[in-house]
Amino acid sequence: MSAADFLFSPEVQKLLTVLYAAPADQWFPTAELARRTRLAEPEAAATVEHLVGSGIVKRQAAKGEEQPEAIRIDRSFVFHDQLRSIALRSFVAAEPIRSMLRSKFKDSVVRALVLGEDAQGTIELLIAHGQLVPDEAAMAAACQKLSKSMGRHLNVHVVPLARLNGMPARDPLAAKLSAPTVHEIIALGDTKAALPAERGGLLQAARKKLATLGRP
């Protein structure tokens, strides 16, 4: 197995999703990781050994029967920041958010961008809609459910596509859009959402309608 295959194997992704969602100082016994990831305990234990051996996580020795051996993310790992960023851009956050938007809001969401993550683990998300505006209550419920399953809070902005495309420098979101942490998870054409009609198109249609009405 290559290093890339190991890092992005389903078992590793499942464990890292739990570990990165938790506070940095939280320890997890292997049995607890197996329960949360729905992996068989021997499978979880083998994956933990690989993670420990790679330096990605650190191990705490057992302290009697009441405190079994446990692991947590090792922030001193030389590639910790890069690996965490990759995880955030893929299986930890981007993929679950993308899947939710494509399945529940495919008729309204035109673009979606993850703006970044703060020190508390809150993920900021910018959603641009087309002709249809996502139902506010449905979006709030879906994001709350996703937040619970991911173990991270979501700070969501829903704006018209025109605002995203023509955002002035004074817009509060403008500076965040220029940050290096931004990555797009839904691009134009990824969903069935209809784009908003252009002003010129609306005016032309209105003129044609008036011309038709004015005919004898």
N, C-alpha and C. Protein backbone atom coordinates (compact mmCIF):
# COMPACT_ATOMS: atom_id res chain seq x y z
N MET A 1 0.85 -1.20 0.00
CA MET A 1 0.00 0.00 0.00
C MET A 1 0.88 1.24 0.00
N SER A 2 0.62 2.21 -0.90
CA SER A 2 1.40 3.43 -0.95
C SER A 2 0.98 4.35 0.19
N ALA A 3 1.79 5.40 0.42
CA ALA A 3 1.46 6.36 1.48
C ALA A 3 0.13 7.05 1.20
N ALA A 4 -0.10 7.39 -0.08
CA ALA A 4 -1.35 8.06 -0.43
C ALA A 4 -2.55 7.13 -0.22
N ASP A 5 -2.39 5.87 -0.62
CA ASP A 5 -3.48 4.91 -0.42
C ASP A 5 -3.79 4.74 1.06
N PHE A 6 -2.74 4.74 1.87
CA PHE A 6 -2.95 4.59 3.31
C PHE A 6 -3.69 5.79 3.89
N LEU A 7 -3.20 6.99 3.57
CA LEU A 7 -3.77 8.19 4.16
C LEU A 7 -5.23 8.38 3.78
N PHE A 8 -5.61 7.95 2.59
CA PHE A 8 -6.97 8.20 2.15
C PHE A 8 -7.80 6.92 2.05
N SER A 9 -7.37 5.90 2.77
CA SER A 9 -8.17 4.69 2.84
C SER A 9 -9.43 5.00 3.64
N PRO A 10 -10.53 4.29 3.41
CA PRO A 10 -11.78 4.56 4.13
C PRO A 10 -11.63 4.48 5.64
N GLU A 11 -10.82 3.53 6.11
CA GLU A 11 -10.65 3.37 7.56
C GLU A 11 -9.97 4.59 8.18
N VAL A 12 -8.91 5.07 7.50
CA VAL A 12 -8.20 6.25 8.01
C VAL A 12 -9.10 7.47 7.96
N GLN A 13 -9.84 7.63 6.89
CA GLN A 13 -10.73 8.78 6.78
C GLN A 13 -11.76 8.79 7.91
N LYS A 14 -12.30 7.64 8.21
CA LYS A 14 -13.31 7.57 9.27
C LYS A 14 -12.71 7.95 10.63
N LEU A 15 -11.52 7.45 10.93
CA LEU A 15 -10.90 7.78 12.21
C LEU A 15 -10.50 9.25 12.27
N LEU A 16 -9.92 9.77 11.19
CA LEU A 16 -9.49 11.16 11.21
C LEU A 16 -10.67 12.12 11.25
N THR A 17 -11.80 11.72 10.67
CA THR A 17 -13.00 12.55 10.75
C THR A 17 -13.40 12.75 12.21
N VAL A 18 -13.38 11.69 13.00
CA VAL A 18 -13.71 11.78 14.42
C VAL A 18 -12.64 12.58 15.17
N LEU A 19 -11.37 12.28 14.91
CA LEU A 19 -10.28 12.92 15.66
C LEU A 19 -10.18 14.41 15.36
N TYR A 20 -10.35 14.81 14.11
CA TYR A 20 -10.26 16.22 13.77
C TYR A 20 -11.48 17.01 14.23
N ALA A 21 -12.61 16.33 14.38
CA ALA A 21 -13.83 17.00 14.84
C ALA A 21 -13.79 17.27 16.34
N ALA A 22 -12.97 16.54 17.06
CA ALA A 22 -12.91 16.66 18.52
C ALA A 22 -11.93 17.76 18.94
N PRO A 23 -12.06 18.27 20.17
CA PRO A 23 -11.06 19.19 20.69
C PRO A 23 -9.67 18.55 20.63
N ALA A 24 -8.64 19.38 20.41
CA ALA A 24 -7.29 18.85 20.18
C ALA A 24 -6.76 18.03 21.35
N ASP A 25 -7.24 18.29 22.56
CA ASP A 25 -6.72 17.58 23.72
C ASP A 25 -7.58 16.39 24.15
N GLN A 26 -8.55 16.00 23.33
CA GLN A 26 -9.43 14.88 23.70
C GLN A 26 -8.80 13.55 23.31
N TRP A 27 -8.78 12.62 24.25
CA TRP A 27 -8.23 11.28 24.01
C TRP A 27 -9.36 10.31 23.71
N PHE A 28 -9.08 9.34 22.84
CA PHE A 28 -10.08 8.34 22.45
C PHE A 28 -9.52 6.93 22.62
N PRO A 29 -10.16 6.10 23.44
CA PRO A 29 -9.81 4.67 23.44
C PRO A 29 -10.19 4.06 22.09
N THR A 30 -9.51 3.01 21.70
CA THR A 30 -9.78 2.37 20.41
C THR A 30 -11.23 1.89 20.32
N ALA A 31 -11.75 1.39 21.42
CA ALA A 31 -13.13 0.90 21.42
C ALA A 31 -14.12 2.03 21.11
N GLU A 32 -13.83 3.22 21.62
CA GLU A 32 -14.70 4.37 21.37
C GLU A 32 -14.61 4.80 19.90
N LEU A 33 -13.40 4.78 19.34
CA LEU A 33 -13.24 5.10 17.93
C LEU A 33 -13.97 4.09 17.05
N ALA A 34 -13.88 2.82 17.42
CA ALA A 34 -14.57 1.78 16.66
C ALA A 34 -16.08 2.01 16.69
N ARG A 35 -16.58 2.39 17.85
CA ARG A 35 -18.03 2.63 17.98
C ARG A 35 -18.47 3.82 17.13
N ARG A 36 -17.70 4.90 17.19
CA ARG A 36 -18.08 6.11 16.46
C ARG A 36 -17.95 5.96 14.95
N THR A 37 -16.99 5.18 14.53
CA THR A 37 -16.76 5.00 13.09
C THR A 37 -17.47 3.77 12.52
N ARG A 38 -18.05 2.96 13.40
CA ARG A 38 -18.74 1.73 13.01
C ARG A 38 -17.77 0.74 12.33
N LEU A 39 -16.53 0.77 12.77
CA LEU A 39 -15.56 -0.21 12.32
C LEU A 39 -15.48 -1.34 13.33
N ALA A 40 -15.12 -2.53 12.88
CA ALA A 40 -14.86 -3.62 13.81
C ALA A 40 -13.66 -3.22 14.66
N GLU A 41 -13.66 -3.61 15.94
CA GLU A 41 -12.58 -3.16 16.82
C GLU A 41 -11.20 -3.60 16.35
N PRO A 42 -11.02 -4.83 15.84
CA PRO A 42 -9.69 -5.19 15.32
C PRO A 42 -9.27 -4.31 14.14
N GLU A 43 -10.23 -3.95 13.30
CA GLU A 43 -9.94 -3.09 12.16
C GLU A 43 -9.54 -1.69 12.63
N ALA A 44 -10.27 -1.17 13.63
CA ALA A 44 -9.93 0.13 14.19
C ALA A 44 -8.56 0.10 14.85
N ALA A 45 -8.28 -0.97 15.57
CA ALA A 45 -6.99 -1.10 16.25
C ALA A 45 -5.83 -1.13 15.26
N ALA A 46 -6.00 -1.84 14.15
CA ALA A 46 -4.95 -1.91 13.13
C ALA A 46 -4.72 -0.54 12.50
N THR A 47 -5.81 0.20 12.27
CA THR A 47 -5.68 1.54 11.69
C THR A 47 -5.01 2.48 12.66
N VAL A 48 -5.34 2.36 13.94
CA VAL A 48 -4.69 3.18 14.97
C VAL A 48 -3.18 2.93 14.98
N GLU A 49 -2.78 1.68 14.84
CA GLU A 49 -1.35 1.35 14.83
C GLU A 49 -0.65 2.05 13.67
N HIS A 50 -1.29 2.07 12.51
CA HIS A 50 -0.71 2.75 11.34
C HIS A 50 -0.59 4.25 11.60
N LEU A 51 -1.62 4.84 12.21
CA LEU A 51 -1.60 6.27 12.49
C LEU A 51 -0.54 6.63 13.52
N VAL A 52 -0.39 5.79 14.53
CA VAL A 52 0.65 6.02 15.53
C VAL A 52 2.03 5.89 14.89
N GLY A 53 2.20 4.85 14.10
CA GLY A 53 3.48 4.62 13.44
C GLY A 53 3.85 5.72 12.47
N SER A 54 2.84 6.37 11.88
CA SER A 54 3.09 7.46 10.94
C SER A 54 3.34 8.79 11.64
N GLY A 55 3.07 8.84 12.93
CA GLY A 55 3.28 10.07 13.68
C GLY A 55 2.10 11.02 13.65
N ILE A 56 1.00 10.61 13.03
CA ILE A 56 -0.17 11.48 12.90
C ILE A 56 -0.91 11.61 14.23
N VAL A 57 -0.92 10.53 15.01
CA VAL A 57 -1.55 10.56 16.33
C VAL A 57 -0.54 10.11 17.37
N LYS A 58 -0.84 10.45 18.62
CA LYS A 58 0.02 10.04 19.73
C LYS A 58 -0.77 9.15 20.67
N ARG A 59 -0.06 8.28 21.35
CA ARG A 59 -0.71 7.28 22.21
C ARG A 59 -0.47 7.62 23.67
N GLN A 60 -1.51 7.39 24.48
CA GLN A 60 -1.41 7.52 25.94
C GLN A 60 -1.57 6.14 26.55
N ALA A 61 -0.61 5.74 27.35
CA ALA A 61 -0.64 4.41 27.95
C ALA A 61 -1.84 4.25 28.88
N ALA A 62 -2.27 3.03 29.01
CA ALA A 62 -3.40 2.73 29.90
C ALA A 62 -3.03 3.03 31.35
N LYS A 63 -4.02 3.48 32.10
CA LYS A 63 -3.83 3.76 33.53
C LYS A 63 -4.84 2.92 34.31
N GLY A 64 -4.57 1.66 34.35
CA GLY A 64 -5.49 0.76 35.02
C GLY A 64 -6.65 0.37 34.12
N GLU A 65 -7.56 -0.41 34.65
CA GLU A 65 -8.69 -0.90 33.87
C GLU A 65 -9.70 0.19 33.54
N GLU A 66 -9.77 1.21 34.40
CA GLU A 66 -10.76 2.26 34.19
C GLU A 66 -10.33 3.27 33.14
N GLN A 67 -9.04 3.35 32.84
CA GLN A 67 -8.54 4.27 31.83
C GLN A 67 -7.69 3.50 30.82
N PRO A 68 -8.33 2.97 29.79
CA PRO A 68 -7.60 2.17 28.80
C PRO A 68 -6.68 3.04 27.94
N GLU A 69 -5.83 2.39 27.20
CA GLU A 69 -4.96 3.10 26.26
C GLU A 69 -5.80 3.96 25.32
N ALA A 70 -5.31 5.15 24.99
CA ALA A 70 -6.08 6.07 24.15
C ALA A 70 -5.14 6.83 23.22
N ILE A 71 -5.74 7.46 22.18
CA ILE A 71 -4.96 8.25 21.23
C ILE A 71 -5.63 9.60 20.99
N ARG A 72 -4.85 10.52 20.45
CA ARG A 72 -5.38 11.81 19.99
C ARG A 72 -4.46 12.33 18.89
N ILE A 73 -4.92 13.34 18.18
CA ILE A 73 -4.12 13.96 17.12
C ILE A 73 -2.84 14.54 17.72
N ASP A 74 -1.72 14.31 17.04
CA ASP A 74 -0.44 14.87 17.48
C ASP A 74 -0.17 16.15 16.69
N ARG A 75 -0.37 17.29 17.33
CA ARG A 75 -0.20 18.56 16.64
C ARG A 75 1.26 18.88 16.33
N SER A 76 2.19 18.11 16.91
CA SER A 76 3.60 18.33 16.61
C SER A 76 4.04 17.57 15.36
N PHE A 77 3.14 16.77 14.79
CA PHE A 77 3.46 16.04 13.56
C PHE A 77 3.86 17.05 12.48
N VAL A 78 4.93 16.79 11.78
CA VAL A 78 5.51 17.77 10.87
C VAL A 78 4.55 18.22 9.78
N PHE A 79 3.64 17.34 9.36
CA PHE A 79 2.68 17.71 8.32
C PHE A 79 1.26 17.87 8.87
N HIS A 80 1.16 18.18 10.15
CA HIS A 80 -0.16 18.28 10.78
C HIS A 80 -1.06 19.30 10.08
N ASP A 81 -0.56 20.52 9.88
CA ASP A 81 -1.38 21.57 9.29
C ASP A 81 -1.82 21.21 7.87
N GLN A 82 -0.88 20.65 7.10
CA GLN A 82 -1.21 20.29 5.71
C GLN A 82 -2.23 19.16 5.66
N LEU A 83 -2.05 18.16 6.51
CA LEU A 83 -2.98 17.03 6.52
C LEU A 83 -4.36 17.46 6.99
N ARG A 84 -4.39 18.31 7.98
CA ARG A 84 -5.67 18.81 8.49
C ARG A 84 -6.39 19.62 7.41
N SER A 85 -5.62 20.42 6.67
CA SER A 85 -6.20 21.21 5.58
C SER A 85 -6.76 20.30 4.49
N ILE A 86 -6.01 19.26 4.13
CA ILE A 86 -6.49 18.31 3.12
C ILE A 86 -7.77 17.62 3.59
N ALA A 87 -7.78 17.24 4.87
CA ALA A 87 -8.96 16.57 5.42
C ALA A 87 -10.17 17.49 5.38
N LEU A 88 -9.97 18.76 5.74
CA LEU A 88 -11.06 19.73 5.73
C LEU A 88 -11.60 19.93 4.32
N ARG A 89 -10.70 19.92 3.33
CA ARG A 89 -11.10 20.17 1.95
C ARG A 89 -11.71 18.93 1.30
N SER A 90 -11.72 17.82 2.01
CA SER A 90 -12.24 16.60 1.40
C SER A 90 -13.20 15.88 2.33
N PHE A 91 -12.74 14.80 2.94
CA PHE A 91 -13.69 13.91 3.61
C PHE A 91 -14.23 14.43 4.94
N VAL A 92 -13.51 15.32 5.62
CA VAL A 92 -13.98 15.79 6.93
C VAL A 92 -15.14 16.78 6.78
N ALA A 93 -15.06 17.70 5.84
CA ALA A 93 -16.09 18.73 5.73
C ALA A 93 -16.66 18.87 4.33
N ALA A 94 -15.78 19.03 3.34
CA ALA A 94 -16.26 19.36 2.00
C ALA A 94 -17.21 18.32 1.43
N GLU A 95 -16.85 17.06 1.52
CA GLU A 95 -17.68 16.02 0.93
C GLU A 95 -19.05 15.91 1.59
N PRO A 96 -19.14 15.92 2.94
CA PRO A 96 -20.47 15.87 3.56
C PRO A 96 -21.34 17.07 3.20
N ILE A 97 -20.72 18.28 3.17
CA ILE A 97 -21.49 19.48 2.84
C ILE A 97 -21.95 19.43 1.39
N ARG A 98 -21.05 19.05 0.49
CA ARG A 98 -21.39 18.96 -0.93
C ARG A 98 -22.53 17.96 -1.15
N SER A 99 -22.43 16.82 -0.51
CA SER A 99 -23.45 15.79 -0.67
C SER A 99 -24.81 16.28 -0.19
N MET A 100 -24.83 16.98 0.94
CA MET A 100 -26.10 17.50 1.48
C MET A 100 -26.72 18.53 0.55
N LEU A 101 -25.91 19.46 0.04
CA LEU A 101 -26.44 20.51 -0.83
C LEU A 101 -26.93 19.95 -2.16
N ARG A 102 -26.19 18.99 -2.69
CA ARG A 102 -26.59 18.41 -3.98
C ARG A 102 -27.87 17.59 -3.87
N SER A 103 -28.07 16.96 -2.73
CA SER A 103 -29.24 16.10 -2.58
C SER A 103 -30.49 16.88 -2.18
N LYS A 104 -30.34 17.90 -1.31
CA LYS A 104 -31.50 18.59 -0.76
C LYS A 104 -31.80 19.94 -1.42
N PHE A 105 -30.78 20.55 -2.02
CA PHE A 105 -30.97 21.90 -2.56
C PHE A 105 -30.44 22.02 -3.99
N LYS A 106 -30.56 20.95 -4.74
CA LYS A 106 -30.03 20.93 -6.12
C LYS A 106 -30.77 21.88 -7.04
N ASP A 107 -32.02 22.28 -6.68
CA ASP A 107 -32.80 23.17 -7.53
C ASP A 107 -32.57 24.65 -7.21
N SER A 108 -31.81 24.93 -6.15
CA SER A 108 -31.62 26.33 -5.77
C SER A 108 -30.16 26.74 -5.62
N VAL A 109 -29.29 25.85 -5.16
CA VAL A 109 -27.89 26.21 -4.93
C VAL A 109 -27.09 26.14 -6.23
N VAL A 110 -26.48 27.26 -6.59
CA VAL A 110 -25.70 27.37 -7.82
C VAL A 110 -24.22 27.20 -7.55
N ARG A 111 -23.74 27.83 -6.48
CA ARG A 111 -22.33 27.70 -6.09
C ARG A 111 -22.26 27.60 -4.57
N ALA A 112 -21.19 26.98 -4.07
CA ALA A 112 -20.95 26.89 -2.63
C ALA A 112 -19.44 26.89 -2.40
N LEU A 113 -19.01 27.67 -1.41
CA LEU A 113 -17.59 27.77 -1.09
C LEU A 113 -17.38 27.66 0.41
N VAL A 114 -16.41 26.86 0.81
CA VAL A 114 -15.99 26.82 2.21
C VAL A 114 -14.97 27.94 2.37
N LEU A 115 -15.28 28.90 3.24
CA LEU A 115 -14.41 30.06 3.42
C LEU A 115 -13.24 29.78 4.36
N GLY A 116 -13.43 28.85 5.27
CA GLY A 116 -12.37 28.53 6.21
C GLY A 116 -12.93 27.99 7.52
N GLU A 117 -12.06 27.90 8.49
CA GLU A 117 -12.42 27.33 9.80
C GLU A 117 -11.74 28.15 10.87
N ASP A 118 -12.47 28.51 11.94
CA ASP A 118 -11.86 29.29 13.01
C ASP A 118 -11.24 28.40 14.06
N ALA A 119 -10.69 29.00 15.11
CA ALA A 119 -9.97 28.26 16.14
C ALA A 119 -10.86 27.30 16.90
N GLN A 120 -12.16 27.57 16.93
CA GLN A 120 -13.10 26.70 17.64
C GLN A 120 -13.63 25.57 16.75
N GLY A 121 -13.18 25.52 15.51
CA GLY A 121 -13.61 24.46 14.60
C GLY A 121 -14.89 24.76 13.85
N THR A 122 -15.37 26.02 13.91
CA THR A 122 -16.57 26.40 13.16
C THR A 122 -16.21 26.62 11.70
N ILE A 123 -16.93 25.98 10.81
CA ILE A 123 -16.69 26.09 9.37
C ILE A 123 -17.62 27.14 8.80
N GLU A 124 -17.04 28.09 8.06
CA GLU A 124 -17.83 29.15 7.44
C GLU A 124 -18.11 28.77 5.99
N LEU A 125 -19.38 28.83 5.62
CA LEU A 125 -19.83 28.38 4.31
C LEU A 125 -20.60 29.49 3.60
N LEU A 126 -20.26 29.72 2.34
CA LEU A 126 -20.97 30.71 1.52
C LEU A 126 -21.73 29.98 0.41
N ILE A 127 -23.03 30.20 0.36
CA ILE A 127 -23.90 29.55 -0.63
C ILE A 127 -24.51 30.62 -1.51
N ALA A 128 -24.42 30.44 -2.82
CA ALA A 128 -25.06 31.35 -3.77
C ALA A 128 -26.21 30.63 -4.45
N HIS A 129 -27.38 31.27 -4.48
CA HIS A 129 -28.56 30.64 -5.09
C HIS A 129 -28.88 31.28 -6.44
N GLY A 130 -29.67 30.54 -7.24
CA GLY A 130 -30.08 31.01 -8.55
C GLY A 130 -31.46 31.62 -8.50
N GLN A 131 -32.32 31.22 -9.45
CA GLN A 131 -33.68 31.77 -9.49
C GLN A 131 -34.46 31.43 -8.22
N LEU A 132 -34.29 30.21 -7.73
CA LEU A 132 -34.99 29.79 -6.52
C LEU A 132 -34.12 30.07 -5.30
N VAL A 133 -34.75 30.56 -4.25
CA VAL A 133 -34.07 30.80 -2.98
C VAL A 133 -34.30 29.58 -2.08
N PRO A 134 -33.23 29.01 -1.48
CA PRO A 134 -33.43 27.85 -0.60
C PRO A 134 -34.36 28.21 0.56
N ASP A 135 -35.24 27.30 0.89
CA ASP A 135 -36.12 27.51 2.03
C ASP A 135 -35.28 27.68 3.29
N GLU A 136 -35.50 28.77 3.98
CA GLU A 136 -34.65 29.12 5.14
C GLU A 136 -34.73 28.07 6.24
N ALA A 137 -35.94 27.63 6.55
CA ALA A 137 -36.13 26.64 7.62
C ALA A 137 -35.50 25.31 7.23
N ALA A 138 -35.68 24.90 5.97
CA ALA A 138 -35.12 23.63 5.52
C ALA A 138 -33.59 23.68 5.52
N MET A 139 -33.02 24.81 5.12
CA MET A 139 -31.56 24.96 5.12
C MET A 139 -31.02 24.92 6.54
N ALA A 140 -31.69 25.61 7.45
CA ALA A 140 -31.25 25.62 8.85
C ALA A 140 -31.30 24.22 9.45
N ALA A 141 -32.38 23.49 9.18
CA ALA A 141 -32.52 22.13 9.71
C ALA A 141 -31.46 21.20 9.14
N ALA A 142 -31.22 21.29 7.82
CA ALA A 142 -30.24 20.43 7.17
C ALA A 142 -28.83 20.71 7.69
N CYS A 143 -28.50 21.99 7.87
CA CYS A 143 -27.17 22.36 8.37
C CYS A 143 -26.99 21.94 9.83
N GLN A 144 -28.06 22.04 10.61
CA GLN A 144 -27.98 21.62 12.01
C GLN A 144 -27.75 20.12 12.11
N LYS A 145 -28.45 19.36 11.29
CA LYS A 145 -28.28 17.90 11.28
C LYS A 145 -26.87 17.53 10.82
N LEU A 146 -26.39 18.20 9.79
CA LEU A 146 -25.04 17.93 9.28
C LEU A 146 -24.00 18.32 10.31
N SER A 147 -24.20 19.45 10.97
CA SER A 147 -23.27 19.90 11.99
C SER A 147 -23.12 18.87 13.10
N LYS A 148 -24.24 18.28 13.49
CA LYS A 148 -24.22 17.27 14.54
C LYS A 148 -23.46 16.03 14.11
N SER A 149 -23.67 15.59 12.86
CA SER A 149 -23.01 14.38 12.38
C SER A 149 -21.52 14.61 12.16
N MET A 150 -21.14 15.83 11.77
CA MET A 150 -19.73 16.15 11.53
C MET A 150 -18.98 16.48 12.81
N GLY A 151 -19.71 16.88 13.84
CA GLY A 151 -19.06 17.29 15.08
C GLY A 151 -18.45 18.68 14.98
N ARG A 152 -18.97 19.52 14.06
CA ARG A 152 -18.46 20.88 13.87
C ARG A 152 -19.64 21.82 13.62
N HIS A 153 -19.50 23.04 14.10
CA HIS A 153 -20.53 24.03 13.84
C HIS A 153 -20.37 24.60 12.43
N LEU A 154 -21.49 25.03 11.85
CA LEU A 154 -21.48 25.66 10.53
C LEU A 154 -22.00 27.08 10.64
N ASN A 155 -21.27 28.01 10.06
CA ASN A 155 -21.71 29.40 9.95
C ASN A 155 -22.00 29.64 8.48
N VAL A 156 -23.29 29.74 8.13
CA VAL A 156 -23.71 29.71 6.72
C VAL A 156 -24.23 31.08 6.26
N HIS A 157 -23.74 31.52 5.10
CA HIS A 157 -24.24 32.72 4.44
C HIS A 157 -24.91 32.29 3.14
N VAL A 158 -26.15 32.71 2.93
CA VAL A 158 -26.87 32.41 1.69
C VAL A 158 -27.12 33.73 0.96
N VAL A 159 -26.57 33.86 -0.25
CA VAL A 159 -26.67 35.12 -0.98
C VAL A 159 -27.09 34.84 -2.43
N PRO A 160 -27.64 35.86 -3.11
CA PRO A 160 -27.93 35.69 -4.54
C PRO A 160 -26.63 35.56 -5.33
N LEU A 161 -26.67 34.88 -6.44
CA LEU A 161 -25.48 34.72 -7.27
C LEU A 161 -24.93 36.07 -7.72
N ALA A 162 -25.82 37.02 -7.98
CA ALA A 162 -25.38 38.35 -8.42
C ALA A 162 -24.49 39.02 -7.37
N ARG A 163 -24.78 38.82 -6.11
CA ARG A 163 -23.96 39.43 -5.06
C ARG A 163 -22.57 38.80 -5.05
N LEU A 164 -22.52 37.48 -5.23
CA LEU A 164 -21.22 36.80 -5.25
C LEU A 164 -20.40 37.24 -6.47
N ASN A 165 -21.06 37.33 -7.62
CA ASN A 165 -20.33 37.67 -8.85
C ASN A 165 -19.87 39.12 -8.89
N GLY A 166 -20.65 40.01 -8.26
CA GLY A 166 -20.30 41.44 -8.32
C GLY A 166 -19.99 42.02 -6.96
N MET A 167 -19.33 41.26 -6.12
CA MET A 167 -19.11 41.68 -4.74
C MET A 167 -18.10 42.84 -4.66
N PRO A 168 -18.51 43.98 -4.12
CA PRO A 168 -17.58 45.11 -3.97
C PRO A 168 -16.63 44.88 -2.80
N ALA A 169 -15.56 45.63 -2.78
CA ALA A 169 -14.53 45.47 -1.73
C ALA A 169 -15.09 45.76 -0.34
N ARG A 170 -16.13 46.62 -0.26
CA ARG A 170 -16.68 46.98 1.05
C ARG A 170 -17.61 45.92 1.62
N ASP A 171 -17.97 44.93 0.81
CA ASP A 171 -18.85 43.86 1.29
C ASP A 171 -18.13 43.08 2.39
N PRO A 172 -18.78 42.77 3.51
CA PRO A 172 -18.13 42.05 4.62
C PRO A 172 -17.54 40.69 4.21
N LEU A 173 -18.09 40.09 3.16
CA LEU A 173 -17.59 38.78 2.74
C LEU A 173 -16.42 38.87 1.77
N ALA A 174 -16.14 40.06 1.24
CA ALA A 174 -15.13 40.21 0.20
C ALA A 174 -13.75 39.76 0.69
N ALA A 175 -13.35 40.20 1.86
CA ALA A 175 -12.02 39.85 2.38
C ALA A 175 -11.90 38.35 2.62
N LYS A 176 -12.99 37.74 3.06
CA LYS A 176 -12.97 36.30 3.33
C LYS A 176 -12.84 35.51 2.03
N LEU A 177 -13.41 36.02 0.95
CA LEU A 177 -13.34 35.32 -0.33
C LEU A 177 -11.94 35.34 -0.93
N SER A 178 -11.12 36.28 -0.50
CA SER A 178 -9.76 36.37 -1.04
C SER A 178 -8.74 35.61 -0.19
N ALA A 179 -9.20 34.99 0.89
CA ALA A 179 -8.29 34.26 1.77
C ALA A 179 -7.83 32.95 1.11
N PRO A 180 -6.62 32.50 1.43
CA PRO A 180 -6.11 31.27 0.83
C PRO A 180 -6.84 30.00 1.29
N THR A 181 -7.62 30.12 2.35
CA THR A 181 -8.35 28.96 2.88
C THR A 181 -9.61 28.63 2.08
N VAL A 182 -10.02 29.53 1.18
CA VAL A 182 -11.27 29.35 0.43
C VAL A 182 -11.13 28.23 -0.60
N HIS A 183 -12.12 27.36 -0.66
CA HIS A 183 -12.17 26.39 -1.75
C HIS A 183 -13.62 26.12 -2.13
N GLU A 184 -13.84 26.00 -3.42
CA GLU A 184 -15.18 25.83 -3.96
C GLU A 184 -15.58 24.36 -3.93
N ILE A 185 -16.76 24.09 -3.41
CA ILE A 185 -17.22 22.70 -3.34
C ILE A 185 -18.37 22.43 -4.30
N ILE A 186 -19.05 23.48 -4.74
CA ILE A 186 -20.04 23.35 -5.81
C ILE A 186 -19.80 24.50 -6.79
N ALA A 187 -19.57 24.15 -8.05
CA ALA A 187 -19.31 25.14 -9.08
C ALA A 187 -20.51 25.26 -10.01
N LEU A 188 -20.50 26.26 -10.86
CA LEU A 188 -21.58 26.43 -11.84
C LEU A 188 -21.73 25.16 -12.67
N GLY A 189 -22.93 24.67 -12.76
CA GLY A 189 -23.19 23.47 -13.54
C GLY A 189 -23.19 22.18 -12.75
N ASP A 190 -22.77 22.25 -11.48
CA ASP A 190 -22.74 21.03 -10.66
C ASP A 190 -24.13 20.61 -10.19
N THR A 191 -25.08 21.53 -10.20
CA THR A 191 -26.45 21.21 -9.79
C THR A 191 -27.41 21.57 -10.92
N LYS A 192 -28.69 21.27 -10.70
CA LYS A 192 -29.72 21.57 -11.70
C LYS A 192 -30.36 22.94 -11.46
N ALA A 193 -29.82 23.71 -10.54
CA ALA A 193 -30.40 25.01 -10.22
C ALA A 193 -30.35 25.95 -11.43
N ALA A 194 -31.47 26.61 -11.70
CA ALA A 194 -31.54 27.56 -12.81
C ALA A 194 -30.87 28.86 -12.42
N LEU A 195 -30.07 29.41 -13.33
CA LEU A 195 -29.41 30.68 -13.08
C LEU A 195 -30.43 31.80 -13.10
N PRO A 196 -30.16 32.87 -12.35
CA PRO A 196 -31.09 33.99 -12.36
C PRO A 196 -31.15 34.64 -13.74
N ALA A 197 -32.32 35.12 -14.12
CA ALA A 197 -32.47 35.78 -15.42
C ALA A 197 -31.75 37.11 -15.39
N GLU A 198 -31.07 37.44 -16.50
CA GLU A 198 -30.36 38.71 -16.58
C GLU A 198 -31.35 39.85 -16.78
N ARG A 199 -30.95 41.05 -16.32
CA ARG A 199 -31.84 42.21 -16.43
C ARG A 199 -32.23 42.48 -17.89
N GLY A 200 -31.23 42.37 -18.76
CA GLY A 200 -31.49 42.60 -20.17
C GLY A 200 -32.49 41.61 -20.73
N GLY A 201 -32.37 40.39 -20.30
CA GLY A 201 -33.29 39.34 -20.75
C GLY A 201 -34.70 39.60 -20.29
N LEU A 202 -34.86 40.07 -19.06
CA LEU A 202 -36.19 40.39 -18.53
C LEU A 202 -36.80 41.56 -19.28
N LEU A 203 -35.97 42.59 -19.55
CA LEU A 203 -36.48 43.77 -20.24
C LEU A 203 -36.91 43.42 -21.67
N GLN A 204 -36.10 42.59 -22.33
CA GLN A 204 -36.43 42.19 -23.69
C GLN A 204 -37.72 41.38 -23.73
N ALA A 205 -37.89 40.50 -22.76
CA ALA A 205 -39.11 39.70 -22.69
C ALA A 205 -40.33 40.58 -22.45
N ALA A 206 -40.16 41.60 -21.61
CA ALA A 206 -41.27 42.52 -21.33
C ALA A 206 -41.66 43.31 -22.57
N ARG A 207 -40.65 43.74 -23.31
CA ARG A 207 -40.93 44.50 -24.54
C ARG A 207 -41.68 43.64 -25.56
N LYS A 208 -41.26 42.37 -25.69
CA LYS A 208 -41.94 41.47 -26.61
C LYS A 208 -43.39 41.26 -26.20
N LYS A 209 -43.61 41.16 -24.88
CA LYS A 209 -44.97 40.96 -24.38
C LYS A 209 -45.84 42.17 -24.68
N LEU A 210 -45.28 43.39 -24.47
CA LEU A 210 -46.03 44.61 -24.74
C LEU A 210 -46.32 44.74 -26.23
N ALA A 211 -45.34 44.36 -27.06
CA ALA A 211 -45.54 44.45 -28.51
C ALA A 211 -46.66 43.53 -28.95
N THR A 212 -46.72 42.36 -28.34
CA THR A 212 -47.77 41.40 -28.67
C THR A 212 -49.14 41.92 -28.27
N LEU A 213 -49.19 42.53 -27.08
CA LEU A 213 -50.46 43.05 -26.60
C LEU A 213 -50.95 44.23 -27.43
N GLY A 214 -49.99 44.96 -28.02
CA GLY A 214 -50.37 46.14 -28.79
C GLY A 214 -50.81 45.86 -30.20
N ARG A 215 -50.65 44.62 -30.65
CA ARG A 215 -51.07 44.29 -32.01
C ARG A 215 -52.59 44.21 -32.11
N PRO A 216 -53.14 44.61 -33.27
CA PRO A 216 -54.61 44.54 -33.47
C PRO A 216 -55.09 43.12 -33.58
